[in-house]
N, C-alpha and C. Protein backbone atom coordinates (compact mmCIF):
# COMPACT_ATOMS: atom_id res chain seq x y z
N MET A 1 0.81 -1.28 -0.03
CA MET A 1 -0.11 0.63 -0.22
C MET A 1 0.84 1.20 0.06
N ILE A 2 1.75 1.19 0.93
CA ILE A 2 2.97 2.35 0.94
C ILE A 2 3.64 2.72 -0.21
N HIS A 3 3.70 1.37 -0.95
CA HIS A 3 4.55 1.64 -2.38
C HIS A 3 3.72 2.26 -3.47
N ALA A 4 2.52 1.72 -3.32
CA ALA A 4 1.40 2.15 -4.24
C ALA A 4 1.52 3.76 -4.05
N LEU A 5 0.85 4.47 -2.43
CA LEU A 5 0.72 5.67 -2.55
C LEU A 5 2.39 6.57 -3.33
N VAL A 6 3.68 5.90 -2.99
CA VAL A 6 4.26 6.76 -3.32
C VAL A 6 4.56 7.02 -4.74
N GLU A 7 4.09 5.77 -5.16
CA GLU A 7 4.06 5.83 -6.92
C GLU A 7 3.31 6.50 -7.52
N PHE A 8 1.86 7.06 -6.66
CA PHE A 8 0.99 8.03 -7.05
C PHE A 8 1.23 9.05 -6.55
N LEU A 9 1.92 9.46 -5.55
CA LEU A 9 2.71 10.66 -5.73
C LEU A 9 3.24 11.62 -6.60
N ARG A 10 4.62 10.33 -6.98
CA ARG A 10 5.37 10.77 -8.18
C ARG A 10 4.80 11.03 -9.28
N THR A 11 3.62 10.60 -9.36
CA THR A 11 2.92 10.55 -10.60
C THR A 11 2.28 11.77 -10.85
N LEU A 12 1.98 12.26 -9.87
CA LEU A 12 1.24 13.67 -9.39
C LEU A 12 2.32 15.07 -9.90
N THR A 13 3.84 14.72 -9.66
CA THR A 13 4.73 15.61 -9.68
C THR A 13 5.46 15.33 -11.16
N THR A 14 5.05 14.16 -11.56
CA THR A 14 6.24 13.64 -13.33
C THR A 14 5.28 14.25 -14.01
N PRO A 15 5.82 15.29 -15.30
CA PRO A 15 4.67 15.76 -16.18
C PRO A 15 4.21 14.42 -17.08
N GLU A 16 5.25 13.67 -17.66
CA GLU A 16 4.65 12.63 -18.23
C GLU A 16 3.69 11.75 -17.76
N ARG A 17 3.99 11.75 -16.72
CA ARG A 17 3.05 10.35 -15.95
C ARG A 17 1.52 11.09 -15.62
N LEU A 18 1.85 12.67 -15.36
CA LEU A 18 0.42 13.48 -14.82
C LEU A 18 0.00 13.15 -16.08
N ILE A 19 0.76 13.34 -17.25
CA ILE A 19 -0.45 13.82 -18.99
C ILE A 19 -0.79 12.34 -19.03
N ALA A 20 -0.03 11.11 -18.75
CA ALA A 20 -0.49 10.32 -19.15
C ALA A 20 -1.60 9.63 -18.38
N LEU A 21 -1.88 9.97 -17.05
CA LEU A 21 -2.94 9.56 -16.09
C LEU A 21 -4.17 10.35 -16.80
N LEU A 22 -4.23 11.98 -17.01
CA LEU A 22 -5.30 12.90 -17.68
C LEU A 22 -5.94 12.00 -18.79
N ALA A 23 -4.71 11.42 -19.54
CA ALA A 23 -4.75 10.99 -21.13
C ALA A 23 -5.81 9.81 -21.12
N THR A 24 -5.62 8.81 -19.85
CA THR A 24 -6.53 7.03 -20.05
C THR A 24 -7.14 7.39 -18.91
N VAL A 25 -6.93 7.46 -17.72
CA VAL A 25 -7.91 7.54 -16.78
C VAL A 25 -8.70 8.28 -16.12
N PHE A 26 -8.14 9.49 -15.95
CA PHE A 26 -8.91 10.72 -15.83
C PHE A 26 -9.25 12.01 -16.88
N THR A 27 -10.39 11.54 -17.66
CA THR A 27 -10.20 12.45 -18.81
C THR A 27 -11.15 13.77 -18.75
N GLY A 28 -10.80 14.45 -19.61
CA GLY A 28 -11.57 15.46 -19.59
C GLY A 28 -12.16 16.25 -18.16
N TRP A 29 -13.44 16.36 -17.87
CA TRP A 29 -13.37 16.92 -16.77
C TRP A 29 -13.29 16.23 -15.42
N TRP A 30 -12.99 14.92 -15.20
CA TRP A 30 -12.11 13.88 -14.78
C TRP A 30 -10.98 14.49 -13.96
N GLY A 31 -10.52 14.72 -15.06
CA GLY A 31 -8.92 15.48 -14.53
C GLY A 31 -8.85 16.33 -14.01
N TYR A 32 -10.07 17.59 -14.05
CA TYR A 32 -10.03 18.63 -13.08
C TYR A 32 -10.60 18.26 -11.70
N ALA A 33 -11.41 17.55 -12.00
CA ALA A 33 -12.25 16.96 -10.59
C ALA A 33 -10.79 16.54 -9.75
N LEU A 34 -9.75 15.45 -10.25
CA LEU A 34 -9.35 14.60 -9.37
C LEU A 34 -8.13 15.62 -8.65
N LEU A 35 -7.72 16.43 -9.48
CA LEU A 35 -6.79 17.44 -9.11
C LEU A 35 -7.36 18.68 -8.09
N PHE A 36 -8.77 18.79 -8.22
CA PHE A 36 -9.18 19.55 -6.79
C PHE A 36 -9.13 18.61 -5.98
N ALA A 37 -9.83 17.46 -6.14
CA ALA A 37 -9.96 16.71 -4.59
C ALA A 37 -8.61 16.46 -4.32
N ILE A 38 -7.40 16.37 -4.86
CA ILE A 38 -6.11 16.33 -3.89
C ILE A 38 -6.09 17.73 -3.31
N VAL A 39 -6.03 19.04 -4.10
CA VAL A 39 -5.92 20.11 -3.40
C VAL A 39 -6.81 20.55 -2.22
N PHE A 40 -8.27 20.31 -2.34
CA PHE A 40 -8.78 20.17 -1.56
C PHE A 40 -8.50 19.32 -0.14
N SER A 41 -8.21 18.12 -0.44
CA SER A 41 -7.47 17.16 0.69
C SER A 41 -6.41 18.08 1.67
N GLU A 42 -5.71 18.51 1.07
CA GLU A 42 -4.53 18.57 1.33
C GLU A 42 -4.60 20.03 2.20
N THR A 43 -5.50 20.55 2.17
CA THR A 43 -6.22 21.79 2.54
C THR A 43 -6.95 22.22 3.62
N GLY A 44 -7.93 21.27 3.32
CA GLY A 44 -9.50 20.86 3.97
C GLY A 44 -9.33 19.94 4.97
N LEU A 45 -9.00 18.51 5.09
CA LEU A 45 -8.66 17.35 5.99
C LEU A 45 -7.41 17.41 6.55
N LEU A 46 -7.27 17.10 8.19
CA LEU A 46 -6.39 17.22 8.81
C LEU A 46 -5.36 15.81 7.87
N VAL A 47 -5.99 14.98 7.50
CA VAL A 47 -4.93 13.75 7.17
C VAL A 47 -4.31 14.46 5.56
N GLY A 48 -4.21 15.38 5.06
CA GLY A 48 -3.95 15.66 3.63
C GLY A 48 -2.46 16.04 3.88
N PHE A 49 -1.73 16.36 4.92
CA PHE A 49 -0.70 16.86 5.01
C PHE A 49 0.81 16.33 3.72
N PHE A 50 0.11 14.70 3.89
CA PHE A 50 1.75 14.07 2.86
C PHE A 50 1.63 14.17 1.54
N LEU A 51 0.02 15.20 0.67
CA LEU A 51 -0.27 15.29 -0.20
C LEU A 51 0.63 16.60 -0.64
N PRO A 52 1.68 16.51 -1.99
CA PRO A 52 2.17 17.30 -2.90
C PRO A 52 1.63 18.57 -3.37
N GLY A 53 1.55 19.45 -2.24
CA GLY A 53 1.22 20.93 -2.75
C GLY A 53 1.61 21.32 -3.91
N ASP A 54 2.94 22.16 -3.45
CA ASP A 54 3.50 23.06 -3.98
C ASP A 54 4.36 22.31 -5.20
N SER A 55 4.64 21.17 -5.44
CA SER A 55 5.22 20.54 -6.44
C SER A 55 4.32 20.10 -7.65
N LEU A 56 2.92 19.76 -6.95
CA LEU A 56 1.92 19.32 -7.84
C LEU A 56 1.60 20.74 -8.39
N MET A 57 1.28 21.73 -7.91
CA MET A 57 0.92 22.76 -8.65
C MET A 57 1.90 23.42 -9.66
N PHE A 58 3.26 23.35 -9.44
CA PHE A 58 4.58 23.58 -10.01
C PHE A 58 4.22 22.70 -11.40
N THR A 59 3.91 21.41 -11.50
CA THR A 59 4.04 20.11 -11.98
C THR A 59 2.42 20.41 -13.30
N VAL A 60 1.48 20.68 -12.46
CA VAL A 60 0.24 21.26 -13.39
C VAL A 60 0.57 22.01 -14.28
N GLY A 61 0.83 23.64 -13.91
CA GLY A 61 1.17 24.36 -15.06
C GLY A 61 1.79 23.95 -16.30
N VAL A 62 3.16 23.18 -15.75
CA VAL A 62 4.00 22.36 -17.09
C VAL A 62 3.04 21.48 -17.99
N VAL A 63 2.22 20.73 -17.27
CA VAL A 63 0.92 20.07 -17.77
C VAL A 63 0.35 21.18 -18.86
N ALA A 64 0.26 22.32 -18.22
CA ALA A 64 -1.05 23.16 -18.67
C ALA A 64 -0.15 23.77 -20.31
N GLY A 65 0.99 24.19 -19.59
CA GLY A 65 2.15 24.61 -20.90
C GLY A 65 2.28 23.88 -22.07
N ALA A 66 1.52 22.92 -21.62
CA ALA A 66 1.91 21.68 -22.63
C ALA A 66 0.85 21.29 -23.52
N GLY A 67 -0.28 22.01 -23.16
CA GLY A 67 -1.54 21.79 -24.09
C GLY A 67 -2.83 20.99 -23.34
N GLN A 68 -1.94 20.21 -22.37
CA GLN A 68 -2.84 19.03 -21.80
C GLN A 68 -4.04 19.79 -20.68
N LEU A 69 -3.76 21.03 -20.48
CA LEU A 69 -4.86 21.49 -19.60
C LEU A 69 -4.87 22.63 -20.33
N ASP A 70 -6.34 23.40 -19.62
CA ASP A 70 -6.32 24.87 -19.97
C ASP A 70 -5.90 25.64 -18.45
N ILE A 71 -5.03 26.68 -18.86
CA ILE A 71 -4.57 27.18 -17.72
C ILE A 71 -5.37 28.45 -16.92
N VAL A 72 -6.47 28.56 -17.37
CA VAL A 72 -7.48 29.77 -16.76
C VAL A 72 -8.23 28.50 -15.82
N THR A 73 -8.74 27.28 -16.34
CA THR A 73 -9.61 26.58 -15.92
C THR A 73 -8.67 25.66 -14.72
N ILE A 74 -8.01 25.37 -14.84
CA ILE A 74 -7.09 24.65 -13.82
C ILE A 74 -6.60 25.68 -12.81
N ASN A 75 -6.41 27.22 -13.07
CA ASN A 75 -6.34 27.99 -12.20
C ASN A 75 -7.74 28.56 -10.84
N LEU A 76 -8.32 28.58 -11.96
CA LEU A 76 -9.92 29.07 -11.07
C LEU A 76 -10.56 27.28 -10.47
N VAL A 77 -10.26 26.35 -10.99
CA VAL A 77 -10.71 24.76 -10.30
C VAL A 77 -9.66 25.03 -8.73
N LEU A 78 -8.56 25.17 -8.98
CA LEU A 78 -7.54 24.63 -7.50
C LEU A 78 -7.64 26.05 -7.06
N MET A 79 -8.07 27.15 -7.63
CA MET A 79 -8.31 28.41 -6.52
C MET A 79 -9.60 27.97 -5.43
N ALA A 80 -10.34 27.30 -5.95
CA ALA A 80 -11.62 27.08 -5.45
C ALA A 80 -11.49 25.76 -4.56
N ALA A 81 -10.41 24.79 -4.87
CA ALA A 81 -10.28 24.06 -4.23
C ALA A 81 -9.50 24.50 -3.26
N ALA A 82 -8.46 25.38 -2.88
CA ALA A 82 -7.79 25.66 -1.54
C ALA A 82 -8.43 26.89 -0.83
N ILE A 83 -9.27 27.74 -1.38
CA ILE A 83 -10.21 28.31 -0.79
C ILE A 83 -10.89 27.58 -0.21
N ILE A 84 -12.11 26.45 -0.69
CA ILE A 84 -13.16 25.50 0.25
C ILE A 84 -12.57 25.03 1.21
N GLY A 85 -11.06 24.42 0.66
CA GLY A 85 -10.50 23.60 1.76
C GLY A 85 -10.06 24.06 3.10
N ASP A 86 -9.61 25.32 2.96
CA ASP A 86 -9.39 26.11 4.16
C ASP A 86 -10.85 26.27 4.84
N GLY A 87 -11.68 26.65 4.05
CA GLY A 87 -12.93 26.79 4.87
C GLY A 87 -13.10 25.90 5.85
N VAL A 88 -13.15 24.63 4.88
CA VAL A 88 -14.04 23.08 5.61
C VAL A 88 -13.17 23.38 6.68
N GLY A 89 -11.49 23.34 6.72
CA GLY A 89 -10.17 23.25 8.11
C GLY A 89 -10.99 24.58 9.19
N TYR A 90 -11.08 25.54 8.80
CA TYR A 90 -11.36 26.26 9.80
C TYR A 90 -13.06 25.86 10.39
N TYR A 91 -13.79 25.51 9.56
CA TYR A 91 -15.47 25.13 10.58
C TYR A 91 -14.86 23.51 11.25
N LEU A 92 -14.16 23.05 10.75
CA LEU A 92 -13.90 21.70 11.82
C LEU A 92 -13.20 22.20 12.95
N GLY A 93 -11.87 23.61 12.99
CA GLY A 93 -11.48 23.97 14.04
C GLY A 93 -12.58 24.26 15.17
N ARG A 94 -13.50 25.15 14.51
CA ARG A 94 -14.63 26.11 15.70
C ARG A 94 -15.58 24.96 16.15
N ARG A 95 -15.80 23.74 15.24
CA ARG A 95 -16.66 22.51 16.04
C ARG A 95 -16.02 21.56 16.82
N ALA A 96 -14.60 21.30 16.44
CA ALA A 96 -14.32 20.04 17.44
C ALA A 96 -12.94 20.33 17.70
N GLY A 97 -12.21 21.58 17.39
CA GLY A 97 -10.98 21.49 18.09
C GLY A 97 -10.45 21.26 19.26
N PRO A 98 -11.32 21.65 20.05
CA PRO A 98 -10.59 21.96 21.43
C PRO A 98 -10.19 19.67 21.48
N HIS A 99 -11.15 19.00 21.03
CA HIS A 99 -10.97 17.67 21.47
C HIS A 99 -9.75 16.80 20.27
N VAL A 100 -9.98 17.74 19.25
CA VAL A 100 -8.66 16.87 18.48
C VAL A 100 -7.45 17.34 19.22
N PHE A 101 -7.07 18.22 20.09
CA PHE A 101 -6.05 18.25 20.71
C PHE A 101 -5.69 17.45 21.25
N ASN A 102 -6.35 17.02 22.08
CA ASN A 102 -6.60 15.71 23.05
C ASN A 102 -6.34 14.73 22.31
N ARG A 103 -6.59 14.58 21.35
CA ARG A 103 -6.31 12.88 20.60
C ARG A 103 -5.22 12.35 20.59
N PRO A 104 -5.32 11.05 20.14
CA PRO A 104 -3.79 10.56 20.80
C PRO A 104 -3.32 10.71 19.15
N ASP A 105 -2.04 10.34 18.94
CA ASP A 105 -1.26 10.06 17.78
C ASP A 105 -1.90 9.06 16.39
N ALA A 106 -1.80 8.82 15.66
CA ALA A 106 -2.24 7.81 14.60
C ALA A 106 -1.44 8.25 13.87
N ARG A 107 -1.63 6.92 12.87
CA ARG A 107 -0.73 7.02 11.47
C ARG A 107 -0.83 8.24 10.57
N PHE A 108 -1.82 9.10 10.41
CA PHE A 108 -1.87 10.13 9.47
C PHE A 108 -2.34 11.61 10.20
N PHE A 109 -2.29 10.93 11.55
CA PHE A 109 -2.48 12.17 12.52
C PHE A 109 -1.28 12.56 13.73
N LYS A 110 -0.67 13.48 13.77
CA LYS A 110 0.41 13.76 14.78
C LYS A 110 0.24 14.85 15.75
N GLN A 111 -0.17 14.67 16.60
CA GLN A 111 0.12 16.05 17.81
C GLN A 111 0.93 16.84 17.06
N GLU A 112 2.02 16.58 17.35
CA GLU A 112 3.22 17.45 17.04
C GLU A 112 2.77 18.57 15.71
N HIS A 113 2.20 18.43 14.60
CA HIS A 113 1.88 18.91 13.60
C HIS A 113 1.39 19.82 14.12
N LEU A 114 -0.18 19.68 15.13
CA LEU A 114 -0.74 20.93 15.29
C LEU A 114 -0.43 21.80 16.15
N LEU A 115 0.50 21.24 17.13
CA LEU A 115 1.57 22.47 17.77
C LEU A 115 2.26 23.37 17.39
N LYS A 116 2.52 22.77 16.43
CA LYS A 116 3.67 23.65 15.25
C LYS A 116 3.17 24.37 14.77
N THR A 117 2.00 24.62 14.35
CA THR A 117 1.21 25.15 13.23
C THR A 117 0.48 26.25 14.20
N LYS A 118 0.09 25.77 15.71
CA LYS A 118 -0.30 26.40 16.62
C LYS A 118 0.55 27.99 17.36
N ALA A 119 2.09 27.12 17.14
CA ALA A 119 2.88 28.26 17.50
C ALA A 119 3.06 29.40 16.55
N PHE A 120 3.01 28.59 15.31
CA PHE A 120 3.80 29.16 13.99
C PHE A 120 2.12 30.94 14.03
N TYR A 121 1.01 30.02 14.28
CA TYR A 121 -0.37 30.92 14.41
C TYR A 121 -0.23 32.06 15.24
N ASP A 122 0.60 31.45 16.47
CA ASP A 122 0.61 32.47 17.90
C ASP A 122 1.09 33.43 17.52
N LYS A 123 2.69 33.62 16.63
CA LYS A 123 3.34 34.35 16.57
C LYS A 123 3.06 35.26 15.29
N HIS A 124 2.31 34.72 14.19
CA HIS A 124 2.21 35.54 13.14
C HIS A 124 0.81 35.82 13.21
N GLY A 125 -0.31 35.36 13.65
CA GLY A 125 -1.63 35.54 13.98
C GLY A 125 -2.36 35.66 12.38
N GLY A 126 -3.30 36.40 12.03
CA GLY A 126 -4.31 36.14 10.48
C GLY A 126 -3.39 35.62 9.37
N LYS A 127 -2.00 36.55 9.58
CA LYS A 127 -1.15 36.20 8.12
C LYS A 127 -0.40 35.06 8.17
N THR A 128 -1.00 34.24 9.12
CA THR A 128 -0.55 32.72 9.09
C THR A 128 -1.27 32.38 7.58
N ILE A 129 -2.48 32.38 7.77
CA ILE A 129 -3.60 32.05 6.79
C ILE A 129 -2.54 32.20 5.57
N ILE A 130 -1.89 33.28 5.54
CA ILE A 130 -1.26 33.21 3.99
C ILE A 130 -0.16 32.69 3.62
N TYR A 131 0.62 33.01 4.89
CA TYR A 131 1.98 32.54 5.09
C TYR A 131 2.04 30.93 4.66
N ALA A 132 1.28 30.37 5.49
CA ALA A 132 1.01 29.09 5.53
C ALA A 132 1.00 28.39 4.30
N ARG A 133 0.33 28.61 3.31
CA ARG A 133 0.02 28.52 1.92
C ARG A 133 1.23 27.99 1.53
N PHE A 134 2.69 28.41 1.71
CA PHE A 134 3.90 28.15 0.96
C PHE A 134 4.31 27.16 2.20
N VAL A 135 4.11 26.89 3.51
CA VAL A 135 4.83 25.82 3.74
C VAL A 135 3.82 24.69 4.13
N PRO A 136 4.54 23.78 3.84
CA PRO A 136 3.76 21.93 3.61
C PRO A 136 3.78 21.77 5.32
N ILE A 137 2.76 21.09 5.24
CA ILE A 137 2.15 20.46 6.67
C ILE A 137 1.23 21.91 7.55
N VAL A 138 1.92 22.86 7.90
CA VAL A 138 1.31 24.29 8.02
C VAL A 138 0.02 24.54 7.50
N ARG A 139 0.25 24.71 6.33
CA ARG A 139 -0.87 25.04 5.13
C ARG A 139 -2.33 23.91 5.75
N THR A 140 -1.67 22.60 6.06
CA THR A 140 -2.93 21.68 6.45
C THR A 140 -3.64 21.99 7.62
N PHE A 141 -2.76 22.75 8.72
CA PHE A 141 -3.68 23.23 9.89
C PHE A 141 -3.80 24.46 10.29
N ALA A 142 -3.25 25.14 9.11
CA ALA A 142 -3.42 26.27 9.87
C ALA A 142 -4.79 27.07 9.73
N PRO A 143 -5.67 26.40 9.07
CA PRO A 143 -6.92 27.31 9.05
C PRO A 143 -7.91 26.34 9.93
N PHE A 144 -7.53 25.26 10.52
CA PHE A 144 -7.90 24.63 11.66
C PHE A 144 -7.48 25.11 12.70
N VAL A 145 -6.20 25.69 13.18
CA VAL A 145 -6.43 26.34 14.36
C VAL A 145 -6.81 27.84 14.22
N ALA A 146 -7.20 28.41 12.74
CA ALA A 146 -7.41 29.55 13.21
C ALA A 146 -9.03 29.24 13.32
N GLY A 147 -9.72 28.11 13.62
CA GLY A 147 -11.20 27.99 13.81
C GLY A 147 -11.11 27.79 15.54
N VAL A 148 -9.94 27.05 15.58
CA VAL A 148 -10.03 26.92 17.53
C VAL A 148 -9.88 27.79 18.25
N ALA A 149 -8.99 29.19 17.60
CA ALA A 149 -8.73 30.27 17.99
C ALA A 149 -10.03 31.35 18.04
N GLU A 150 -10.92 30.54 17.08
CA GLU A 150 -12.10 31.39 17.21
C GLU A 150 -11.87 33.10 16.58
N MET A 151 -11.12 32.79 15.29
CA MET A 151 -10.78 33.94 14.40
C MET A 151 -11.97 34.22 13.81
N LYS A 152 -12.13 35.73 14.05
CA LYS A 152 -13.48 36.24 13.44
C LYS A 152 -13.39 35.74 11.83
N TYR A 153 -14.48 35.39 11.45
CA TYR A 153 -14.97 34.61 10.06
C TYR A 153 -14.81 35.43 8.55
N SER A 154 -15.11 36.67 9.05
CA SER A 154 -15.08 37.79 7.84
C SER A 154 -13.67 37.96 7.44
N ARG A 155 -12.75 38.02 8.84
CA ARG A 155 -11.28 37.98 9.23
C ARG A 155 -10.37 36.85 7.90
N PHE A 156 -11.18 35.60 8.53
CA PHE A 156 -10.31 34.46 8.23
C PHE A 156 -10.20 34.58 6.54
N LEU A 157 -11.76 34.81 5.94
CA LEU A 157 -12.36 34.13 4.93
C LEU A 157 -10.90 35.48 4.05
N SER A 158 -11.10 36.88 4.04
CA SER A 158 -10.01 37.53 3.47
C SER A 158 -8.73 37.35 3.52
N PHE A 159 -8.17 36.65 4.43
CA PHE A 159 -6.51 35.73 4.44
C PHE A 159 -7.21 34.32 3.65
N ASN A 160 -7.95 34.04 3.76
CA ASN A 160 -7.94 32.72 2.94
C ASN A 160 -7.87 33.14 1.17
N VAL A 161 -8.92 34.18 1.05
CA VAL A 161 -9.15 34.20 -1.00
C VAL A 161 -7.75 34.51 -1.17
N PHE A 162 -7.32 35.51 -0.62
CA PHE A 162 -5.94 36.52 -0.63
C PHE A 162 -4.62 35.26 -0.97
N GLY A 163 -4.81 34.65 0.16
CA GLY A 163 -3.70 33.37 0.14
C GLY A 163 -3.77 32.38 -0.88
N GLY A 164 -5.37 32.07 -0.94
CA GLY A 164 -5.53 30.74 -1.64
C GLY A 164 -5.01 31.25 -3.16
N ILE A 165 -5.61 32.25 -3.67
CA ILE A 165 -5.52 32.74 -5.30
C ILE A 165 -3.87 32.88 -5.18
N GLY A 166 -2.93 33.48 -4.39
CA GLY A 166 -1.58 33.98 -4.93
C GLY A 166 -0.56 32.26 -4.48
N TRP A 167 -1.34 31.67 -3.88
CA TRP A 167 -0.25 30.30 -3.80
C TRP A 167 -0.69 29.65 -5.51
N VAL A 168 -1.77 29.59 -5.45
CA VAL A 168 -2.23 28.68 -7.20
C VAL A 168 -1.27 29.72 -8.18
N PHE A 169 -1.81 30.86 -8.17
CA PHE A 169 -1.44 31.24 -8.93
C PHE A 169 -0.05 31.20 -9.66
N SER A 170 0.65 31.81 -8.58
CA SER A 170 2.10 31.68 -8.66
C SER A 170 2.84 30.53 -9.05
N LEU A 171 2.79 29.29 -8.63
CA LEU A 171 3.28 28.14 -8.64
C LEU A 171 2.74 27.56 -9.71
N THR A 172 1.62 27.61 -10.61
CA THR A 172 1.04 27.05 -11.51
C THR A 172 2.00 28.05 -12.66
N MET A 173 1.57 29.20 -12.80
CA MET A 173 2.35 29.97 -13.75
C MET A 173 3.68 30.08 -13.84
N LEU A 174 3.96 29.75 -12.41
CA LEU A 174 6.13 29.19 -12.62
C LEU A 174 5.97 28.10 -13.53
N GLY A 175 5.16 27.13 -13.58
CA GLY A 175 5.32 25.95 -14.10
C GLY A 175 4.87 26.32 -15.11
N TYR A 176 3.36 26.91 -15.74
CA TYR A 176 3.47 27.40 -17.08
C TYR A 176 4.39 27.78 -18.31
N ARG A 177 5.22 28.72 -17.18
CA ARG A 177 6.31 29.38 -18.12
C ARG A 177 7.14 28.84 -18.27
N LEU A 178 7.93 28.16 -17.24
CA LEU A 178 9.13 27.44 -16.99
C LEU A 178 9.53 26.12 -17.64
N GLY A 179 8.05 25.38 -17.53
CA GLY A 179 8.30 24.31 -18.32
C GLY A 179 8.42 23.83 -19.57
N SER A 180 8.76 25.29 -20.62
CA SER A 180 9.11 25.35 -21.82
C SER A 180 10.96 25.01 -22.18
N VAL A 181 11.37 25.90 -21.19
CA VAL A 181 12.62 26.06 -20.81
C VAL A 181 13.55 24.68 -20.78
N GLN A 182 14.45 24.69 -21.92
CA GLN A 182 15.14 23.07 -22.13
C GLN A 182 15.84 22.51 -20.81
N PHE A 183 16.42 23.65 -19.70
CA PHE A 183 16.94 23.24 -18.63
C PHE A 183 16.20 22.68 -17.54
N VAL A 184 14.76 23.32 -17.44
CA VAL A 184 13.92 23.07 -16.23
C VAL A 184 13.57 21.32 -17.08
N ARG A 185 13.32 21.28 -18.41
CA ARG A 185 12.62 19.77 -18.59
C ARG A 185 13.93 18.79 -18.49
N GLN A 186 14.97 19.13 -18.77
CA GLN A 186 16.00 18.51 -18.89
C GLN A 186 16.52 17.98 -17.21
N ASN A 187 16.23 18.89 -16.24
CA ASN A 187 16.28 19.09 -14.79
C ASN A 187 15.11 18.83 -13.84
N PHE A 188 13.85 18.16 -14.43
CA PHE A 188 12.81 18.79 -13.67
C PHE A 188 12.57 18.20 -12.50
N ASP A 189 13.33 16.60 -11.78
CA ASP A 189 13.70 16.41 -10.60
C ASP A 189 14.02 17.04 -9.93
N LYS A 190 14.99 17.63 -10.46
CA LYS A 190 16.02 18.68 -9.45
C LYS A 190 15.13 20.06 -8.97
N VAL A 191 14.39 20.73 -9.87
CA VAL A 191 14.00 21.87 -9.80
C VAL A 191 12.68 21.36 -9.11
N VAL A 192 12.03 20.18 -9.30
CA VAL A 192 10.62 19.93 -8.13
C VAL A 192 11.50 20.07 -6.54
N LEU A 193 13.12 19.48 -6.56
CA LEU A 193 13.31 19.19 -5.41
C LEU A 193 13.44 20.49 -4.57
N ALA A 194 13.78 21.56 -5.67
CA ALA A 194 14.21 23.10 -5.14
C ALA A 194 13.27 23.82 -4.64
N ILE A 195 12.05 23.40 -5.37
CA ILE A 195 10.75 23.86 -4.65
C ILE A 195 10.27 23.80 -3.41
N ILE A 196 10.41 22.54 -3.01
CA ILE A 196 10.08 21.46 -2.06
C ILE A 196 11.02 21.97 -0.94
N VAL A 197 12.74 22.19 -0.90
CA VAL A 197 13.30 22.76 -0.25
C VAL A 197 12.98 24.60 0.30
N LEU A 198 12.77 25.17 -0.85
CA LEU A 198 12.43 26.37 -0.88
C LEU A 198 10.99 26.35 -0.03
N SER A 199 10.36 25.77 -0.24
CA SER A 199 8.88 25.42 0.38
C SER A 199 9.35 25.32 2.60
N VAL A 200 9.83 24.54 2.39
CA VAL A 200 9.82 23.88 4.03
C VAL A 200 11.21 24.66 4.40
N MET A 201 11.80 25.59 3.58
CA MET A 201 12.90 26.62 4.55
C MET A 201 12.62 27.50 5.35
N PRO A 202 10.95 27.95 5.47
CA PRO A 202 10.65 28.67 6.68
C PRO A 202 10.67 28.05 8.05
N MET A 203 10.04 26.73 7.91
CA MET A 203 10.01 25.85 8.94
C MET A 203 11.30 25.85 9.52
N VAL A 204 12.64 25.53 8.79
CA VAL A 204 13.73 25.27 9.08
C VAL A 204 14.28 26.47 9.21
N VAL A 205 14.04 27.53 9.15
CA VAL A 205 14.50 28.58 9.90
C VAL A 205 13.86 28.86 11.53
N GLU A 206 12.69 29.00 11.18
CA GLU A 206 11.61 29.04 12.49
C GLU A 206 12.39 27.96 14.12
N TYR A 207 12.71 26.76 13.39
CA TYR A 207 13.22 25.69 14.26
C TYR A 207 14.61 26.27 14.78
N LEU A 208 15.52 26.90 13.77
CA LEU A 208 17.08 27.19 14.53
C LEU A 208 16.94 28.35 15.29
N LYS A 209 15.72 29.23 14.68
CA LYS A 209 15.90 30.56 15.50
C LYS A 209 15.38 29.87 16.99
N SER A 210 14.76 28.95 17.13
CA SER A 210 13.87 28.20 18.72
C SER A 210 14.87 27.75 19.02
N ARG A 211 15.76 27.28 18.72
CA ARG A 211 16.99 26.78 19.32
C ARG A 211 18.37 27.48 19.64
N ARG A 212 18.39 28.45 18.88
CA ARG A 212 19.02 29.40 19.29
C ARG A 212 18.55 30.44 20.50
N ARG A 213 17.48 30.61 20.92
CA ARG A 213 16.71 31.38 21.80
C ARG A 213 17.18 30.71 23.05
N LYS A 214 17.78 31.57 23.64
CA LYS A 214 17.71 31.24 25.26
C LYS A 214 16.36 31.22 26.35
N PRO A 215 16.33 30.47 26.69
CA PRO A 215 15.29 30.46 27.69
C PRO A 215 15.03 31.75 28.97
N GLU A 216 14.29 31.98 29.06
CA GLU A 216 14.22 33.40 29.87
C GLU A 216 14.67 33.03 31.06
N ARG A 217 15.23 33.85 31.93
CA ARG A 217 16.01 34.00 33.13
C ARG A 217 15.13 34.30 34.18
N ILE A 218 15.01 33.03 35.30
CA ILE A 218 13.93 33.55 36.19
C ILE A 218 14.70 33.80 37.38
N PRO A 219 14.29 34.88 38.09
CA PRO A 219 15.02 35.82 39.38
C PRO A 219 15.36 35.11 40.14
N ALA A 220 16.33 34.95 40.86
CA ALA A 220 16.00 34.61 42.38
C ALA A 220 15.44 35.16 43.41
N ALA A 221 14.88 34.47 43.95
CA ALA A 221 14.36 34.58 45.02
C ALA A 221 14.55 35.92 45.75
N SER A 222 16.25 36.27 46.08
CA SER A 222 16.65 37.16 46.77
C SER A 222 16.83 38.61 45.81
N GLU A 223 16.55 38.13 44.87
CA GLU A 223 16.36 39.55 43.54
C GLU A 223 14.90 40.42 43.72
N THR A 224 13.85 39.35 44.33
CA THR A 224 12.75 39.74 43.95
C THR A 224 12.11 40.66 45.38
N ALA A 225 13.06 39.91 46.34
CA ALA A 225 13.04 40.28 47.74
C ALA A 225 12.70 42.06 48.00
């Protein structure tokens, strides 16, 4: 099962494989529906954090550049998936948030991911909804944490729409424009890896900062007397 999942994820991030999938199994609107479901699952369901958001967007842009998808339609479909997905995540946070924080770890759910996202949210506030779009794992849990924190929905919605449109458009158009470049075509795996590295960089930087941050000094009793 794990092997099949890995192969499916590789298909989603390899232009030739994705084109073959869309041309044989998921033809026409079924292909758009599949991509909608993947993006929605990553952003709206707490178990979708392992799905390849950034690299998928880039690959979809390359496939659109090859004429296999309509770039306008795919942008509208994926923007809708991202915005609706975050909305569902927010709703789940408002409805069942406190109970999930007490839920034990499972194969597709780790308390660590939720707690890291909460720390990210506590630091950046509402802007987390935008920042999180470009950070794997965090983007899955950020709307949920916003719901738990009872962020005003109108405020959440503005960040959600702006972030969803910016995330999808920037990455699909990057793939659309660069997909025909010879260097990119010859080194596609390396380019996708670079996108993944850049997307996780904010988490790495934040982790290093937290390691360097010294704990606050607790004054001795004599100093407070």
